[in-house]
Amino acid sequence: MSGKGWSPEKTGFLLAYPNVAKIGMASLGMQVIEDVAASNLAYYVDTCYLPDKPERARLTSTRAHAPLKTFSLVGFSCAFELDYPNVTRMLHAATIPQRSADRERMRATNDQFPIVIAGGVAVSSNPLPLLPFLDFIFIFDAEFTIKEFLDHFTRFIEDGMTLETWWDGYPGTKRGIIPAFKFKEGMPLDILLTREACAWDVRPLDELDVPVQQQLFDPEEPSSLGTSYLLEIGRGCGEGCRFCLIGNHQRPPRYRSIASIQQIQEQIGGPGHPFRKIAMIGTNVADHPELSEACTCIIDSGYQLSIPSTKPCNDEGMMHAIEASGIHTITIAPETGSERLRSVANKKISNAEFKAMAEQLLQHGVTTIKVYLLFGLPTETSMDLDESIQFLEELKETTRDAGARLTISLNPFIPKLGTPFMFHVTNYLSKNFKQFRHDYEAFTSRLETACRTKISTMDLKEARLQAVLSLGGTELSAFLQVTGQVETKPGLLRIPDNVIDTSLESIEALLLQEHVPKYLVNIIPVSLEFLQREWYAAFDGTTSPRCMPPDSCAGCDHVNCIQDSRS
């Protein structure tokens, strides 16, 4: 038996978010899995978030205020790599052995500890750094696999068998579930990270249940709870930007139909659902094939609409919805003001289109336009940076003339596993990092002077940490394990320069390797040949087709499209 169970009638399942509550409550993934678990009457489901000051707070569940170790199952939702250290910190604070092998060894002596599982975008992209700490990892679309897992997990609790015995006889699908508890130091990872374990059960969005009951949250007011319902209208993206994790991993894109959107509106419109606003959630909202109809449907049903960000599009229905909902802030992401560099990144949108979009938004009541830029993209030159400044000066003038504001967020490019730009690690190598920091700070200063505004930036130490956690392997687990006082900031995680360099250089070397480890091929859902081809196309300045089947195919050999195993 694992954990003490919640009661004779219920099995305790704790959903943990490895960051503070105001961030975790805004996570649609947390809402979805909690809804799936709550539908199983065999479970008592509770949540837990990282305390603002973990060294001073007692780590307990949100509703029952129960210690984490009293639950039979603890599940972490990992959306961001910088939350990885908080997984081990929370286990440490809960006096749960951090490593799976230690928990299993202590269970053999009749000590009872929870089974620890995890899912989410970050851990699905690269499960390796957290592999030794988890018992099971659920890859990407986990709604159906976690539902089936919960159905069968009660037998493990009731029969008191070992985890190995239970998993060997597991009657459900093992597709998309990595049995991380089998990990042992030095073992060939091909045995564990098989093609089946690293795949996932992909369904149309209309087939996925949505959590009708949600924590009330307003994405435009992140510091407080509001009255917004988070509605996922799309999953994945077909643009094919070479730096984008979701755009390469979640292929092909899927969209929720108008009929499904209408059905959800009817469900949340009844008594006990005080939602006044529907927040459209999707990687690329503007690409929804029925966007105008979806916006009109929401507005006509009496709801306000929230659109966190958008790309340029000629959709009058969306513009009408923006104005009717009183949306005052919209984010756009040109990434750079250099059209050459944007083509390198395979982002096929011109400066003129972004400027026209800004003018259109300002005409429909938007008073603040947030611009998202990247610094340090491959082949970036001083001329590209000059063009970015000129582009932003023009946008600044456009917004000023309309009596509106322009805010700018400048972030360093961070390579992500499974994207064509994962090979661009040079800025974070020890020999280059100091110069990269100098260049980043110098450009930030230039931008602030030119646009006469404060620029929001990301700390480069955190960016470097995020890069290595995104690309690195199990060698990083030793630095994630907590051995002393629980720290309060992820930036305090210390990984030696030589370890960072080795981890990053191993990814850079994949450009030249003929024989890539099979486990790495399995983790990455697109083919390595596609990533290499896209990398060289970037340097040639050529763009590639969008992923929009059946009309357009980028030839990425994504596991969702190609059923047979890769050689």
Foldseek 3Di string as FASTA:
>chain_A
DAAQADDPQAAEEEEEELAADLVVQPDQVSLQVQLLVVVDRRHDYFYWYQDLDNLPDQTATDPPRHQPFNGQEYEYEDAALLSLLSLQLSCVSSVHDQFLQVNLVVVVVVDHGHQYEYEYLQCLLPVFQSLRRHQKYAHDPCSVVVSLVVVQVVCCVVVVDGPVVSVVPRPDQQARMFRSSPDDPPDQCCVGLDLRNSHHDDDAPLPRDGNLDGFADDPVCSVDGHQEDEDEFKFAFFLQQQQDSRNQAVPPMHGDDLVSLLVSCVSQVDPPRRHQEYEYDYPALQPRPCNLVSLCSQVVSRHQYHYAEHEQDPHVSVLQSCLSNLPAEYEYECQFLDPLLCLLRQRPDHLVSVLVRLLSNLVRNHQEYEYEYEPDQPPDDPVRLVSRLVSVLVSLVSNVVSNHYYAYEYEYRAHAQQGLCLLVCVCLQPVNVVVSVVVVVVSQVVSCVSSVHHYHYDDVLVSLSSNLSRQFRNVNNVQSNDDDRSDSGSSPRDDDNVRSNVRSVVSNCLLPDPDDRPSSCSSRQFGPVLSNVSNVCSVVSHHAWTRDPPVIHRPRNGCVVPPDDDD
